[in-house]
Amino acid sequence: MPEVFDAETLALARQLCQAALGCPEELITPEARLEEDLGADSFGRASLAALMEDQWDLTIPDREFLAMKTLGQMLGYCLAHRGESSPAAPDQ
């Protein structure tokens, strides 16, 4: 069963996708596949991930990032882990 997101989250996801990928708003749905539906190449995926990381103050591990195939998977991860950014390296 697909995850359900509130209207505010979906509106923000649309803004982030348009900024990172330049894709039409009507294509941006939780079920949209990043590469096949939204046209994300590796740079676009990385750009979208960076925007989401900044928005929700988190770090998406490479292993998790590579496994994400849909926008809904990315959103679900971000909402579940928001505020969990990796701690900064201590000053030397």
C-alpha atoms as a PDB file:
ATOM      1  CA  MET A   1       0.000   0.000   0.000  1.00  0.00           C
ATOM      2  CA  PRO A   2       1.484   3.386  -0.956  1.00  0.00           C
ATOM      3  CA  GLU A   3       2.349   5.840   1.781  1.00  0.00           C
ATOM      4  CA  VAL A   4       0.003   8.815   2.159  1.00  0.00           C
ATOM      5  CA  PHE A   5       1.459  12.312   2.528  1.00  0.00           C
ATOM      6  CA  ASP A   6      -0.306  15.494   3.585  1.00  0.00           C
ATOM      7  CA  ALA A   7      -0.931  18.329   1.128  1.00  0.00           C
ATOM      8  CA  GLU A   8       1.809  20.533   2.587  1.00  0.00           C
ATOM      9  CA  THR A   9       4.429  17.791   2.215  1.00  0.00           C
ATOM     10  CA  LEU A  10       3.352  17.094  -1.357  1.00  0.00           C
ATOM     11  CA  ALA A  11       3.470  20.795  -2.255  1.00  0.00           C
ATOM     12  CA  LEU A  12       6.988  21.041  -0.845  1.00  0.00           C
ATOM     13  CA  ALA A  13       8.033  17.882  -2.700  1.00  0.00           C
ATOM     14  CA  ARG A  14       6.742  19.402  -5.935  1.00  0.00           C
ATOM     15  CA  GLN A  15       8.798  22.554  -5.348  1.00  0.00           C
ATOM     16  CA  LEU A  16      11.937  20.556  -4.591  1.00  0.00           C
ATOM     17  CA  CYS A  17      11.465  18.303  -7.638  1.00  0.00           C
ATOM     18  CA  GLN A  18      10.896  21.250  -9.929  1.00  0.00           C
ATOM     19  CA  ALA A  19      14.012  22.965  -8.566  1.00  0.00           C
ATOM     20  CA  ALA A  20      16.211  19.870  -8.871  1.00  0.00           C
ATOM     21  CA  LEU A  21      14.779  18.202 -11.962  1.00  0.00           C
ATOM     22  CA  GLY A  22      12.750  20.815 -13.818  1.00  0.00           C
ATOM     23  CA  CYS A  23       9.949  18.309 -14.405  1.00  0.00           C
ATOM     24  CA  PRO A  24       6.300  19.309 -14.918  1.00  0.00           C
ATOM     25  CA  GLU A  25       4.236  19.543 -11.744  1.00  0.00           C
ATOM     26  CA  GLU A  26       1.608  17.085 -12.982  1.00  0.00           C
ATOM     27  CA  LEU A  27       4.233  14.308 -13.100  1.00  0.00           C
ATOM     28  CA  ILE A  28       5.255  14.781  -9.478  1.00  0.00           C
ATOM     29  CA  THR A  29       3.392  12.221  -7.375  1.00  0.00           C
ATOM     30  CA  PRO A  30       4.552   9.905  -4.579  1.00  0.00           C
ATOM     31  CA  GLU A  31       4.308   6.980  -7.015  1.00  0.00           C
ATOM     32  CA  ALA A  32       6.490   8.712  -9.625  1.00  0.00           C
ATOM     33  CA  ARG A  33       9.654   6.786 -10.401  1.00  0.00           C
ATOM     34  CA  LEU A  34      12.660   9.065 -10.139  1.00  0.00           C
ATOM     35  CA  GLU A  35      14.360   8.038 -13.354  1.00  0.00           C
ATOM     36  CA  GLU A  36      11.597   6.705 -15.584  1.00  0.00           C
ATOM     37  CA  ASP A  37       8.804   9.190 -14.734  1.00  0.00           C
ATOM     38  CA  LEU A  38      10.642  12.288 -13.517  1.00  0.00           C
ATOM     39  CA  GLY A  39      13.687  11.989 -15.797  1.00  0.00           C
ATOM     40  CA  ALA A  40      16.224  12.131 -12.975  1.00  0.00           C
ATOM     41  CA  ASP A  41      19.759  11.236 -13.996  1.00  0.00           C
ATOM     42  CA  SER A  42      22.429  10.670 -11.343  1.00  0.00           C
ATOM     43  CA  PHE A  43      23.061  14.415 -11.005  1.00  0.00           C
ATOM     44  CA  GLY A  44      19.333  15.150 -10.708  1.00  0.00           C
ATOM     45  CA  ARG A  45      18.872  12.457  -8.076  1.00  0.00           C
ATOM     46  CA  ALA A  46      21.811  13.842  -6.089  1.00  0.00           C
ATOM     47  CA  SER A  47      20.456  17.395  -6.408  1.00  0.00           C
ATOM     48  CA  LEU A  48      17.014  16.322  -5.208  1.00  0.00           C
ATOM     49  CA  ALA A  49      18.520  14.386  -2.308  1.00  0.00           C
ATOM     50  CA  ALA A  50      20.625  17.421  -1.290  1.00  0.00           C
ATOM     51  CA  LEU A  51      17.554  19.674  -1.302  1.00  0.00           C
ATOM     52  CA  MET A  52      15.612  17.158   0.788  1.00  0.00           C
ATOM     53  CA  GLU A  53      18.514  16.745   3.211  1.00  0.00           C
ATOM     54  CA  ASP A  54      18.646  20.517   3.709  1.00  0.00           C
ATOM     55  CA  GLN A  55      14.873  20.822   4.019  1.00  0.00           C
ATOM     56  CA  TRP A  56      14.493  18.113   6.651  1.00  0.00           C
ATOM     57  CA  ASP A  57      17.924  18.406   8.338  1.00  0.00           C
ATOM     58  CA  LEU A  58      19.118  14.884   7.694  1.00  0.00           C
ATOM     59  CA  THR A  59      21.684  12.866   5.821  1.00  0.00           C
ATOM     60  CA  ILE A  60      20.574  10.115   3.456  1.00  0.00           C
ATOM     61  CA  PRO A  61      23.156   7.311   3.506  1.00  0.00           C
ATOM     62  CA  ASP A  62      24.376   6.267   0.056  1.00  0.00           C
ATOM     63  CA  ARG A  63      23.038   2.737   0.483  1.00  0.00           C
ATOM     64  CA  GLU A  64      19.555   4.025   1.276  1.00  0.00           C
ATOM     65  CA  PHE A  65      19.731   6.655  -1.455  1.00  0.00           C
ATOM     66  CA  LEU A  66      20.631   4.135  -4.155  1.00  0.00           C
ATOM     67  CA  ALA A  67      17.751   1.858  -3.134  1.00  0.00           C
ATOM     68  CA  MET A  68      15.123   4.611  -3.485  1.00  0.00           C
ATOM     69  CA  LYS A  69      13.238   4.295  -6.763  1.00  0.00           C
ATOM     70  CA  THR A  70      10.202   6.560  -6.204  1.00  0.00           C
ATOM     71  CA  LEU A  71       9.577  10.020  -4.862  1.00  0.00           C
ATOM     72  CA  GLY A  72       7.389   8.478  -2.166  1.00  0.00           C
ATOM     73  CA  GLN A  73      10.293   6.358  -0.946  1.00  0.00           C
ATOM     74  CA  MET A  74      12.471   9.463  -0.675  1.00  0.00           C
ATOM     75  CA  LEU A  75       9.745  11.417   1.125  1.00  0.00           C
ATOM     76  CA  GLY A  76       9.001   8.546   3.492  1.00  0.00           C
ATOM     77  CA  TYR A  77      12.662   8.269   4.430  1.00  0.00           C
ATOM     78  CA  CYS A  78      13.025  12.014   4.930  1.00  0.00           C
ATOM     79  CA  LEU A  79       9.943  12.302   7.118  1.00  0.00           C
ATOM     80  CA  ALA A  80      10.946   9.296   9.214  1.00  0.00           C
ATOM     81  CA  HIS A  81      14.478  10.625   9.773  1.00  0.00           C
ATOM     82  CA  ARG A  82      14.047  14.417   9.811  1.00  0.00           C
ATOM     83  CA  GLY A  83      16.308  16.209  12.247  1.00  0.00           C
ATOM     84  CA  GLU A  84      18.851  13.379  12.230  1.00  0.00           C
ATOM     85  CA  SER A  85      21.694  15.053  10.360  1.00  0.00           C
ATOM     86  CA  SER A  86      25.120  13.623  10.931  1.00  0.00           C
ATOM     87  CA  PRO A  87      26.990  15.505  13.630  1.00  0.00           C
ATOM     88  CA  ALA A  88      29.668  17.875  12.391  1.00  0.00           C
ATOM     89  CA  ALA A  89      33.259  16.821  12.794  1.00  0.00           C
ATOM     90  CA  PRO A  90      34.826  18.275  15.930  1.00  0.00           C
ATOM     91  CA  ASP A  91      37.109  21.256  15.505  1.00  0.00           C
ATOM     92  CA  GLN A  92      40.786  20.416  15.557  1.00  0.00           C
END
